[in-house]
């Protein structure tokens, strides 16, 4: 996936969520910066993450992030890599130990822009997160790494309470449920 592929997908991206549609022009503007995939762009930069479910699509794998102190899906910085699918896969493998999985759908699962607090000499900034849905073939192969305080499979009906009903998680749980219904039919 290239920068142009991302632009194309964003231009065609449809979402029933107004906040997500409002992110599209901001993503497109950020992509005009040559260093938008690098942490050196201190106002904000592209990140990629993985919404991971088991094959039943009734549980998702979340980690309790050590630095942010919150439950999140695995993900991270692009660090100059434009192929955001590859970034999401790499982060998922590093942060969960999963090696047997597949992409549940072509294209973006979700997009989000969120603030990251100041830490050390890095000012507060925004992550322009592109999210992909992966399905784990072997959910028991999960291994926690040093970036997380905990990692576990969470039943979807418990996710929103765990993340204080954060809007981006509401979207991902709802999208997951719609996808699961589509696969059942």
N, C-alpha and C. Protein backbone atom coordinates (compact mmCIF):
# COMPACT_ATOMS: atom_id res chain seq x y z
N UNK A 1 0.85 -1.18 0.00
CA UNK A 1 0.00 0.00 0.00
C UNK A 1 0.89 1.24 0.00
N UNK A 2 0.57 2.19 -0.85
CA UNK A 2 1.35 3.42 -0.97
C UNK A 2 0.53 4.60 -0.45
N UNK A 3 1.19 5.73 -0.39
CA UNK A 3 0.51 6.97 0.01
C UNK A 3 -0.70 7.22 -0.91
N UNK A 4 -0.51 6.98 -2.22
CA UNK A 4 -1.60 7.19 -3.17
C UNK A 4 -2.74 6.21 -2.92
N UNK A 5 -2.42 4.97 -2.58
CA UNK A 5 -3.47 3.99 -2.25
C UNK A 5 -4.29 4.47 -1.05
N UNK A 6 -3.60 5.03 -0.07
CA UNK A 6 -4.29 5.55 1.12
C UNK A 6 -5.21 6.70 0.71
N UNK A 7 -4.68 7.62 -0.10
CA UNK A 7 -5.52 8.73 -0.59
C UNK A 7 -6.77 8.19 -1.29
N UNK A 8 -6.55 7.23 -2.18
CA UNK A 8 -7.68 6.68 -2.95
C UNK A 8 -8.72 6.05 -2.02
N UNK A 9 -8.26 5.28 -1.05
CA UNK A 9 -9.21 4.65 -0.12
C UNK A 9 -9.94 5.69 0.71
N UNK A 10 -9.24 6.73 1.12
CA UNK A 10 -9.89 7.79 1.89
C UNK A 10 -10.94 8.51 1.06
N UNK A 11 -10.64 8.76 -0.20
CA UNK A 11 -11.61 9.45 -1.07
C UNK A 11 -12.86 8.62 -1.30
N UNK A 12 -12.73 7.29 -1.23
CA UNK A 12 -13.87 6.40 -1.42
C UNK A 12 -14.47 5.92 -0.11
N UNK A 13 -13.87 6.31 1.01
CA UNK A 13 -14.28 5.79 2.31
C UNK A 13 -15.67 6.28 2.68
N UNK A 14 -16.53 5.35 3.05
CA UNK A 14 -17.88 5.69 3.48
C UNK A 14 -18.08 5.18 4.89
N UNK A 15 -18.66 6.02 5.71
CA UNK A 15 -18.93 5.64 7.09
C UNK A 15 -20.24 6.27 7.52
N UNK A 16 -21.05 5.52 8.27
CA UNK A 16 -22.28 6.11 8.80
C UNK A 16 -22.02 7.01 10.01
N UNK A 17 -20.76 7.10 10.43
CA UNK A 17 -20.40 7.87 11.62
C UNK A 17 -19.89 9.25 11.21
N UNK A 18 -20.61 10.32 11.57
CA UNK A 18 -20.21 11.67 11.14
C UNK A 18 -18.80 12.06 11.58
N UNK A 19 -18.40 11.65 12.79
CA UNK A 19 -17.06 12.02 13.25
C UNK A 19 -15.99 11.36 12.39
N UNK A 20 -16.26 10.16 11.94
CA UNK A 20 -15.29 9.46 11.10
C UNK A 20 -15.22 10.12 9.71
N UNK A 21 -16.35 10.50 9.16
CA UNK A 21 -16.35 11.21 7.87
C UNK A 21 -15.60 12.53 7.98
N UNK A 22 -15.69 13.17 9.14
CA UNK A 22 -14.98 14.45 9.35
C UNK A 22 -13.46 14.25 9.40
N UNK A 23 -13.00 13.03 9.71
CA UNK A 23 -11.57 12.76 9.74
C UNK A 23 -10.96 12.72 8.33
N UNK A 24 -11.75 12.36 7.33
CA UNK A 24 -11.21 12.14 5.98
C UNK A 24 -10.46 13.35 5.45
N UNK A 25 -11.04 14.57 5.44
CA UNK A 25 -10.27 15.70 4.90
C UNK A 25 -9.01 16.01 5.72
N UNK A 26 -9.06 15.74 7.00
CA UNK A 26 -7.87 15.97 7.84
C UNK A 26 -6.76 14.98 7.47
N UNK A 27 -7.13 13.72 7.25
CA UNK A 27 -6.15 12.73 6.79
C UNK A 27 -5.56 13.15 5.45
N UNK A 28 -6.42 13.57 4.53
CA UNK A 28 -5.94 13.97 3.20
C UNK A 28 -4.99 15.15 3.29
N UNK A 29 -5.27 16.09 4.18
CA UNK A 29 -4.36 17.23 4.38
C UNK A 29 -3.02 16.78 4.95
N UNK A 30 -3.07 15.88 5.92
CA UNK A 30 -1.83 15.39 6.53
C UNK A 30 -0.96 14.67 5.49
N UNK A 31 -1.58 13.95 4.58
CA UNK A 31 -0.83 13.20 3.56
C UNK A 31 -0.05 14.11 2.62
N UNK A 32 -0.32 15.41 2.63
CA UNK A 32 0.44 16.36 1.82
C UNK A 32 1.83 16.60 2.40
N UNK A 33 2.03 16.31 3.68
CA UNK A 33 3.34 16.49 4.31
C UNK A 33 4.25 15.32 3.94
N UNK A 34 5.45 15.60 3.42
CA UNK A 34 6.35 14.51 3.04
C UNK A 34 6.68 13.58 4.21
N UNK A 35 6.71 14.11 5.43
CA UNK A 35 7.10 13.32 6.61
C UNK A 35 5.90 12.89 7.46
N UNK A 36 4.72 12.74 6.85
CA UNK A 36 3.51 12.40 7.62
C UNK A 36 3.57 10.99 8.21
N UNK A 37 4.49 10.15 7.74
CA UNK A 37 4.63 8.80 8.28
C UNK A 37 5.73 8.72 9.33
N UNK A 38 6.24 9.88 9.74
CA UNK A 38 7.37 9.92 10.67
C UNK A 38 6.99 10.66 11.95
N UNK A 39 7.57 10.22 13.05
CA UNK A 39 7.35 10.86 14.35
C UNK A 39 7.89 12.28 14.38
N UNK A 40 8.77 12.62 13.44
CA UNK A 40 9.35 13.96 13.41
C UNK A 40 8.32 15.03 13.08
N UNK A 41 7.19 14.64 12.52
CA UNK A 41 6.10 15.60 12.31
C UNK A 41 5.38 15.71 13.64
N UNK A 42 5.78 16.69 14.43
CA UNK A 42 5.38 16.76 15.84
C UNK A 42 3.93 17.12 16.08
N UNK A 43 3.25 17.69 15.10
CA UNK A 43 1.84 18.01 15.31
C UNK A 43 0.96 16.77 15.21
N UNK A 44 1.40 15.81 14.39
CA UNK A 44 0.65 14.57 14.22
C UNK A 44 1.24 13.76 13.09
N UNK A 45 0.97 12.45 13.11
CA UNK A 45 1.53 11.56 12.09
C UNK A 45 0.66 10.31 11.97
N UNK A 46 0.88 9.59 10.87
CA UNK A 46 0.11 8.38 10.57
C UNK A 46 0.56 7.24 11.48
N UNK A 47 -0.41 6.52 12.02
CA UNK A 47 -0.17 5.29 12.76
C UNK A 47 -1.11 4.22 12.18
N UNK A 48 -0.88 2.99 12.56
CA UNK A 48 -1.75 1.91 12.10
C UNK A 48 -2.00 0.96 13.25
N UNK A 49 -3.20 0.40 13.29
CA UNK A 49 -3.51 -0.53 14.37
C UNK A 49 -4.38 -1.68 13.88
N UNK A 50 -4.50 -2.68 14.74
CA UNK A 50 -5.19 -3.91 14.40
C UNK A 50 -6.33 -4.18 15.38
N UNK A 51 -7.55 -4.21 14.86
CA UNK A 51 -8.70 -4.70 15.62
C UNK A 51 -8.69 -6.20 15.39
N UNK A 52 -8.44 -6.97 16.42
CA UNK A 52 -8.28 -8.41 16.28
C UNK A 52 -9.45 -9.11 16.96
N UNK A 53 -10.04 -10.04 16.24
CA UNK A 53 -11.09 -10.85 16.85
C UNK A 53 -10.73 -12.33 16.68
N UNK A 54 -11.39 -13.14 17.50
CA UNK A 54 -11.29 -14.58 17.29
C UNK A 54 -12.21 -14.93 16.11
N UNK A 55 -12.23 -16.17 15.70
CA UNK A 55 -13.01 -16.53 14.52
C UNK A 55 -14.51 -16.42 14.73
N UNK A 56 -14.96 -16.46 15.97
CA UNK A 56 -16.39 -16.27 16.25
C UNK A 56 -16.78 -14.79 16.13
N UNK A 57 -15.79 -13.90 16.16
CA UNK A 57 -15.97 -12.45 16.14
C UNK A 57 -16.76 -11.96 17.36
N UNK A 58 -16.70 -12.74 18.44
CA UNK A 58 -17.38 -12.36 19.67
C UNK A 58 -16.41 -11.87 20.74
N UNK A 59 -15.12 -11.95 20.47
CA UNK A 59 -14.09 -11.52 21.42
C UNK A 59 -13.03 -10.73 20.67
N UNK A 60 -12.49 -9.71 21.31
CA UNK A 60 -11.41 -8.94 20.71
C UNK A 60 -10.21 -8.96 21.64
N UNK A 61 -9.03 -8.84 21.06
CA UNK A 61 -7.79 -8.87 21.82
C UNK A 61 -7.34 -7.44 22.10
N UNK A 62 -7.29 -7.08 23.38
CA UNK A 62 -6.85 -5.75 23.77
C UNK A 62 -5.66 -5.86 24.70
N UNK A 63 -4.86 -4.81 24.70
CA UNK A 63 -3.73 -4.77 25.62
C UNK A 63 -3.84 -3.54 26.50
N UNK A 64 -3.33 -3.68 27.72
CA UNK A 64 -3.30 -2.55 28.65
C UNK A 64 -1.95 -1.87 28.45
N UNK A 65 -1.99 -0.74 27.75
CA UNK A 65 -0.78 -0.05 27.33
C UNK A 65 -0.02 0.52 28.52
N UNK A 66 1.24 0.18 28.62
CA UNK A 66 2.07 0.58 29.76
C UNK A 66 2.20 2.11 29.85
N UNK A 67 2.53 2.78 28.76
CA UNK A 67 2.76 4.24 28.79
C UNK A 67 1.47 5.04 28.93
N UNK A 68 0.41 4.60 28.26
CA UNK A 68 -0.84 5.38 28.28
C UNK A 68 -1.79 4.96 29.39
N UNK A 69 -1.56 3.78 29.99
CA UNK A 69 -2.40 3.33 31.09
C UNK A 69 -3.83 3.06 30.69
N UNK A 70 -4.04 2.63 29.44
CA UNK A 70 -5.39 2.39 28.93
C UNK A 70 -5.43 1.09 28.14
N UNK A 71 -6.62 0.53 28.03
CA UNK A 71 -6.83 -0.64 27.18
C UNK A 71 -6.97 -0.16 25.75
N UNK A 72 -6.20 -0.76 24.85
CA UNK A 72 -6.18 -0.37 23.44
C UNK A 72 -6.02 -1.59 22.54
N UNK A 73 -6.31 -1.41 21.27
CA UNK A 73 -5.98 -2.42 20.29
C UNK A 73 -4.49 -2.26 19.96
N UNK A 74 -3.80 -3.32 19.54
CA UNK A 74 -2.39 -3.21 19.18
C UNK A 74 -2.20 -2.25 18.00
N UNK A 75 -1.11 -1.53 18.02
CA UNK A 75 -0.82 -0.61 16.92
C UNK A 75 0.39 0.23 17.23
N UNK A 76 0.77 1.06 16.27
CA UNK A 76 1.92 1.90 16.52
C UNK A 76 2.29 2.78 15.34
N UNK A 77 3.45 3.38 15.47
CA UNK A 77 3.96 4.35 14.49
C UNK A 77 4.36 3.68 13.18
N UNK A 78 4.17 4.42 12.10
CA UNK A 78 4.57 3.92 10.78
C UNK A 78 6.09 3.99 10.60
N UNK A 79 6.73 4.96 11.25
CA UNK A 79 8.19 5.10 11.16
C UNK A 79 8.69 5.03 9.73
N UNK A 80 8.13 5.89 8.88
CA UNK A 80 8.50 6.07 7.47
C UNK A 80 7.95 5.00 6.53
N UNK A 81 7.19 4.04 7.04
CA UNK A 81 6.63 2.99 6.19
C UNK A 81 5.23 3.42 5.73
N UNK A 82 5.06 3.55 4.43
CA UNK A 82 3.75 3.95 3.89
C UNK A 82 2.75 2.81 3.87
N UNK A 83 3.21 1.57 3.84
CA UNK A 83 2.32 0.42 3.79
C UNK A 83 1.72 0.19 5.17
N UNK A 84 0.59 0.85 5.42
CA UNK A 84 -0.01 0.82 6.76
C UNK A 84 -0.57 -0.56 7.13
N UNK A 85 -0.92 -1.38 6.14
CA UNK A 85 -1.34 -2.75 6.45
C UNK A 85 -0.15 -3.50 7.04
N UNK A 86 1.02 -3.33 6.44
CA UNK A 86 2.23 -3.99 6.94
C UNK A 86 2.57 -3.49 8.34
N UNK A 87 2.36 -2.20 8.59
CA UNK A 87 2.63 -1.63 9.92
C UNK A 87 1.68 -2.26 10.94
N UNK A 88 0.40 -2.34 10.61
CA UNK A 88 -0.58 -2.93 11.54
C UNK A 88 -0.23 -4.39 11.84
N UNK A 89 0.15 -5.14 10.81
CA UNK A 89 0.54 -6.55 11.00
C UNK A 89 1.77 -6.66 11.90
N UNK A 90 2.78 -5.84 11.61
CA UNK A 90 4.02 -5.87 12.39
C UNK A 90 3.74 -5.56 13.86
N UNK A 91 2.96 -4.52 14.10
CA UNK A 91 2.64 -4.13 15.48
C UNK A 91 1.84 -5.24 16.17
N UNK A 92 0.90 -5.83 15.45
CA UNK A 92 0.09 -6.91 16.02
C UNK A 92 0.98 -8.08 16.42
N UNK A 93 1.86 -8.48 15.52
CA UNK A 93 2.75 -9.61 15.81
C UNK A 93 3.66 -9.31 17.00
N UNK A 94 4.25 -8.09 17.02
CA UNK A 94 5.17 -7.71 18.11
C UNK A 94 4.46 -7.61 19.45
N UNK A 95 3.26 -7.05 19.45
CA UNK A 95 2.57 -6.75 20.71
C UNK A 95 1.72 -7.89 21.24
N UNK A 96 1.41 -8.88 20.38
CA UNK A 96 0.53 -9.97 20.83
C UNK A 96 1.14 -11.36 20.68
N UNK A 97 2.17 -11.48 19.87
CA UNK A 97 2.74 -12.79 19.60
C UNK A 97 1.98 -13.59 18.56
N UNK A 98 0.84 -13.07 18.09
CA UNK A 98 0.06 -13.78 17.08
C UNK A 98 0.84 -13.89 15.77
N UNK A 99 0.80 -15.07 15.17
CA UNK A 99 1.45 -15.24 13.87
C UNK A 99 0.52 -15.91 12.86
N UNK A 100 -0.62 -16.35 13.32
CA UNK A 100 -1.57 -17.03 12.45
C UNK A 100 -2.88 -16.23 12.44
N UNK A 101 -3.09 -15.49 11.36
CA UNK A 101 -4.25 -14.58 11.28
C UNK A 101 -4.51 -14.27 9.81
N UNK A 102 -5.64 -13.64 9.56
CA UNK A 102 -5.92 -13.16 8.20
C UNK A 102 -6.69 -11.86 8.29
N UNK A 103 -6.60 -11.09 7.22
CA UNK A 103 -7.29 -9.82 7.12
C UNK A 103 -8.77 -10.10 6.86
N UNK A 104 -9.64 -9.57 7.69
CA UNK A 104 -11.07 -9.87 7.61
C UNK A 104 -11.74 -9.19 6.42
N UNK A 105 -11.20 -8.07 5.99
CA UNK A 105 -11.80 -7.34 4.87
C UNK A 105 -10.72 -6.55 4.16
N UNK A 106 -10.94 -6.29 2.89
CA UNK A 106 -10.03 -5.41 2.17
C UNK A 106 -10.32 -3.97 2.58
N UNK A 107 -9.29 -3.18 2.67
CA UNK A 107 -9.48 -1.77 2.99
C UNK A 107 -9.53 -1.50 4.48
N UNK A 108 -9.77 -0.24 4.78
CA UNK A 108 -9.77 0.22 6.16
C UNK A 108 -10.98 -0.32 6.91
N UNK A 109 -10.76 -0.68 8.17
CA UNK A 109 -11.85 -1.07 9.06
C UNK A 109 -12.41 0.18 9.75
N UNK A 110 -11.50 1.10 10.11
CA UNK A 110 -11.88 2.30 10.85
C UNK A 110 -10.75 3.30 10.71
N UNK A 111 -11.07 4.57 10.82
CA UNK A 111 -10.04 5.61 10.91
C UNK A 111 -10.36 6.48 12.12
N UNK A 112 -9.31 7.01 12.74
CA UNK A 112 -9.52 7.81 13.94
C UNK A 112 -8.37 8.79 14.09
N UNK A 113 -8.67 9.93 14.64
CA UNK A 113 -7.65 10.91 15.01
C UNK A 113 -7.83 11.16 16.49
N UNK A 114 -6.76 10.94 17.25
CA UNK A 114 -6.85 11.12 18.70
C UNK A 114 -5.57 11.73 19.24
N UNK A 115 -5.72 12.40 20.36
CA UNK A 115 -4.60 13.10 21.00
C UNK A 115 -3.76 12.16 21.84
N UNK A 116 -2.46 12.38 21.78
CA UNK A 116 -1.51 11.66 22.62
C UNK A 116 -0.88 12.70 23.55
N UNK A 117 -0.89 12.45 24.84
CA UNK A 117 -0.38 13.46 25.78
C UNK A 117 1.13 13.66 25.66
N UNK A 118 1.57 14.84 26.09
CA UNK A 118 3.00 15.17 26.14
C UNK A 118 3.72 14.12 26.98
N UNK A 119 4.91 13.74 26.53
CA UNK A 119 5.72 12.78 27.28
C UNK A 119 7.18 13.12 27.04
N UNK A 120 7.88 13.49 28.11
CA UNK A 120 9.29 13.87 27.98
C UNK A 120 9.42 15.09 27.09
N UNK A 121 10.28 14.99 26.08
CA UNK A 121 10.47 16.14 25.18
C UNK A 121 9.57 16.06 23.94
N UNK A 122 8.60 15.14 23.93
CA UNK A 122 7.66 15.04 22.81
C UNK A 122 6.37 15.75 23.22
N UNK A 123 6.01 16.81 22.48
CA UNK A 123 4.80 17.56 22.85
C UNK A 123 3.53 16.75 22.57
N UNK A 124 2.44 17.21 23.14
CA UNK A 124 1.15 16.60 22.82
C UNK A 124 0.98 16.66 21.30
N UNK A 125 0.45 15.59 20.74
CA UNK A 125 0.28 15.53 19.29
C UNK A 125 -0.87 14.59 18.95
N UNK A 126 -1.16 14.46 17.67
CA UNK A 126 -2.27 13.61 17.25
C UNK A 126 -1.77 12.40 16.46
N UNK A 127 -2.44 11.29 16.69
CA UNK A 127 -2.22 10.09 15.90
C UNK A 127 -3.37 9.97 14.91
N UNK A 128 -3.01 9.87 13.65
CA UNK A 128 -3.97 9.66 12.57
C UNK A 128 -3.94 8.16 12.32
N UNK A 129 -4.82 7.45 12.99
CA UNK A 129 -4.75 5.99 13.04
C UNK A 129 -5.63 5.34 11.98
N UNK A 130 -5.01 4.47 11.18
CA UNK A 130 -5.72 3.68 10.19
C UNK A 130 -5.80 2.27 10.75
N UNK A 131 -7.01 1.75 10.85
CA UNK A 131 -7.24 0.48 11.54
C UNK A 131 -7.71 -0.60 10.57
N UNK A 132 -7.20 -1.80 10.81
CA UNK A 132 -7.54 -2.96 9.99
C UNK A 132 -8.08 -4.06 10.90
N UNK A 133 -9.01 -4.83 10.37
CA UNK A 133 -9.61 -5.92 11.14
C UNK A 133 -8.93 -7.23 10.75
N UNK A 134 -8.35 -7.87 11.74
CA UNK A 134 -7.71 -9.17 11.56
C UNK A 134 -8.45 -10.21 12.38
N UNK A 135 -8.48 -11.43 11.88
CA UNK A 135 -9.07 -12.54 12.61
C UNK A 135 -7.97 -13.53 12.95
N UNK A 136 -7.84 -13.84 14.23
CA UNK A 136 -6.81 -14.77 14.70
C UNK A 136 -7.25 -16.21 14.43
N UNK A 137 -6.37 -16.97 13.80
CA UNK A 137 -6.66 -18.39 13.56
C UNK A 137 -6.37 -19.23 14.81
N UNK A 138 -5.36 -18.79 15.58
CA UNK A 138 -4.96 -19.53 16.79
C UNK A 138 -4.92 -18.54 17.96
N UNK A 139 -6.07 -18.22 18.53
CA UNK A 139 -6.12 -17.20 19.59
C UNK A 139 -5.32 -17.54 20.84
N UNK A 140 -4.98 -18.79 21.04
CA UNK A 140 -4.24 -19.17 22.25
C UNK A 140 -2.74 -18.89 22.17
N UNK A 141 -2.25 -18.46 21.02
CA UNK A 141 -0.82 -18.22 20.89
C UNK A 141 -0.40 -16.83 21.37
N UNK A 142 -1.26 -16.12 22.07
CA UNK A 142 -0.98 -14.76 22.53
C UNK A 142 0.13 -14.74 23.59
N UNK A 143 1.05 -13.77 23.40
CA UNK A 143 2.15 -13.56 24.35
C UNK A 143 2.29 -12.05 24.58
N UNK A 144 2.30 -11.64 25.81
CA UNK A 144 2.44 -10.22 26.18
C UNK A 144 3.91 -9.81 26.02
N UNK A 145 4.12 -8.56 25.55
CA UNK A 145 5.49 -8.04 25.50
C UNK A 145 5.65 -6.90 26.52
N UNK A 146 6.82 -6.28 26.53
CA UNK A 146 7.15 -5.27 27.55
C UNK A 146 6.35 -3.97 27.42
N UNK A 147 5.70 -3.74 26.27
CA UNK A 147 4.93 -2.52 26.08
C UNK A 147 3.58 -2.55 26.81
N UNK A 148 3.19 -3.73 27.26
CA UNK A 148 1.87 -3.90 27.86
C UNK A 148 1.95 -4.37 29.30
N UNK A 149 1.00 -3.89 30.10
CA UNK A 149 0.85 -4.39 31.46
C UNK A 149 0.06 -5.69 31.46
N UNK A 150 -0.83 -5.83 30.46
CA UNK A 150 -1.68 -7.02 30.37
C UNK A 150 -2.17 -7.13 28.93
N UNK A 151 -2.56 -8.31 28.55
CA UNK A 151 -3.17 -8.54 27.24
C UNK A 151 -4.18 -9.66 27.43
N UNK A 152 -5.39 -9.46 26.88
CA UNK A 152 -6.38 -10.52 27.03
C UNK A 152 -7.51 -10.38 26.02
N UNK A 153 -8.14 -11.52 25.79
CA UNK A 153 -9.34 -11.57 24.96
C UNK A 153 -10.51 -11.06 25.80
N UNK A 154 -11.24 -10.11 25.24
CA UNK A 154 -12.36 -9.49 25.94
C UNK A 154 -13.64 -9.78 25.15
N UNK A 155 -14.67 -10.31 25.81
CA UNK A 155 -15.95 -10.46 25.12
C UNK A 155 -16.45 -9.08 24.67
N UNK A 156 -16.98 -9.00 23.47
CA UNK A 156 -17.40 -7.71 22.93
C UNK A 156 -18.37 -6.97 23.84
N UNK A 157 -19.24 -7.72 24.52
CA UNK A 157 -20.21 -7.04 25.39
C UNK A 157 -19.56 -6.39 26.61
N UNK A 158 -18.29 -6.69 26.88
CA UNK A 158 -17.58 -6.08 28.01
C UNK A 158 -16.61 -4.97 27.60
N UNK A 159 -16.35 -4.85 26.32
CA UNK A 159 -15.34 -3.90 25.83
C UNK A 159 -15.66 -2.46 26.21
N UNK A 160 -16.89 -2.03 25.97
CA UNK A 160 -17.21 -0.61 26.16
C UNK A 160 -17.07 -0.17 27.61
N UNK A 161 -17.41 -1.03 28.55
CA UNK A 161 -17.20 -0.68 29.96
C UNK A 161 -15.72 -0.57 30.29
N UNK A 162 -14.92 -1.43 29.70
CA UNK A 162 -13.48 -1.45 29.95
C UNK A 162 -12.81 -0.17 29.43
N UNK A 163 -13.34 0.40 28.33
CA UNK A 163 -12.72 1.57 27.70
C UNK A 163 -13.54 2.85 27.92
N UNK A 164 -14.37 2.83 28.94
CA UNK A 164 -15.19 4.00 29.30
C UNK A 164 -16.03 4.54 28.14
N UNK A 165 -16.58 3.64 27.35
CA UNK A 165 -17.47 3.99 26.24
C UNK A 165 -16.85 5.01 25.28
N UNK A 166 -15.56 4.88 25.05
CA UNK A 166 -14.86 5.76 24.12
C UNK A 166 -15.46 5.59 22.72
N UNK A 167 -15.69 6.71 22.04
CA UNK A 167 -16.41 6.71 20.77
C UNK A 167 -15.76 5.81 19.72
N UNK A 168 -14.44 5.81 19.63
CA UNK A 168 -13.82 4.99 18.59
C UNK A 168 -14.05 3.50 18.86
N UNK A 169 -14.12 3.11 20.12
CA UNK A 169 -14.41 1.71 20.44
C UNK A 169 -15.88 1.37 20.18
N UNK A 170 -16.76 2.33 20.43
CA UNK A 170 -18.18 2.12 20.10
C UNK A 170 -18.29 1.80 18.62
N UNK A 171 -17.60 2.60 17.78
CA UNK A 171 -17.63 2.37 16.33
C UNK A 171 -17.09 0.99 15.97
N UNK A 172 -15.93 0.64 16.54
CA UNK A 172 -15.31 -0.63 16.16
C UNK A 172 -16.15 -1.83 16.61
N UNK A 173 -16.73 -1.76 17.80
CA UNK A 173 -17.60 -2.86 18.25
C UNK A 173 -18.82 -2.96 17.34
N UNK A 174 -19.44 -1.82 17.02
CA UNK A 174 -20.62 -1.85 16.14
C UNK A 174 -20.26 -2.37 14.76
N UNK A 175 -19.13 -1.92 14.20
CA UNK A 175 -18.70 -2.40 12.89
C UNK A 175 -18.41 -3.90 12.93
N UNK A 176 -17.79 -4.35 14.01
CA UNK A 176 -17.51 -5.77 14.18
C UNK A 176 -18.81 -6.57 14.16
N UNK A 177 -19.80 -6.10 14.89
CA UNK A 177 -21.08 -6.81 14.96
C UNK A 177 -21.78 -6.86 13.60
N UNK A 178 -21.70 -5.77 12.85
CA UNK A 178 -22.28 -5.75 11.51
C UNK A 178 -21.55 -6.75 10.61
N UNK A 179 -20.23 -6.77 10.69
CA UNK A 179 -19.44 -7.72 9.88
C UNK A 179 -19.77 -9.16 10.26
N UNK A 180 -19.91 -9.41 11.53
CA UNK A 180 -20.22 -10.76 11.99
C UNK A 180 -21.58 -11.20 11.45
N UNK A 181 -22.56 -10.32 11.47
CA UNK A 181 -23.89 -10.65 10.94
C UNK A 181 -23.82 -10.93 9.44
N UNK A 182 -23.01 -10.15 8.73
CA UNK A 182 -22.86 -10.34 7.29
C UNK A 182 -22.23 -11.69 6.98
N UNK A 183 -21.28 -12.12 7.80
CA UNK A 183 -20.62 -13.40 7.57
C UNK A 183 -21.52 -14.59 7.88
N UNK A 184 -22.45 -14.40 8.82
CA UNK A 184 -23.37 -15.47 9.21
C UNK A 184 -24.37 -15.75 8.09
N UNK A 185 -24.78 -14.68 7.40
CA UNK A 185 -25.81 -14.83 6.34
C UNK A 185 -25.28 -15.53 5.12
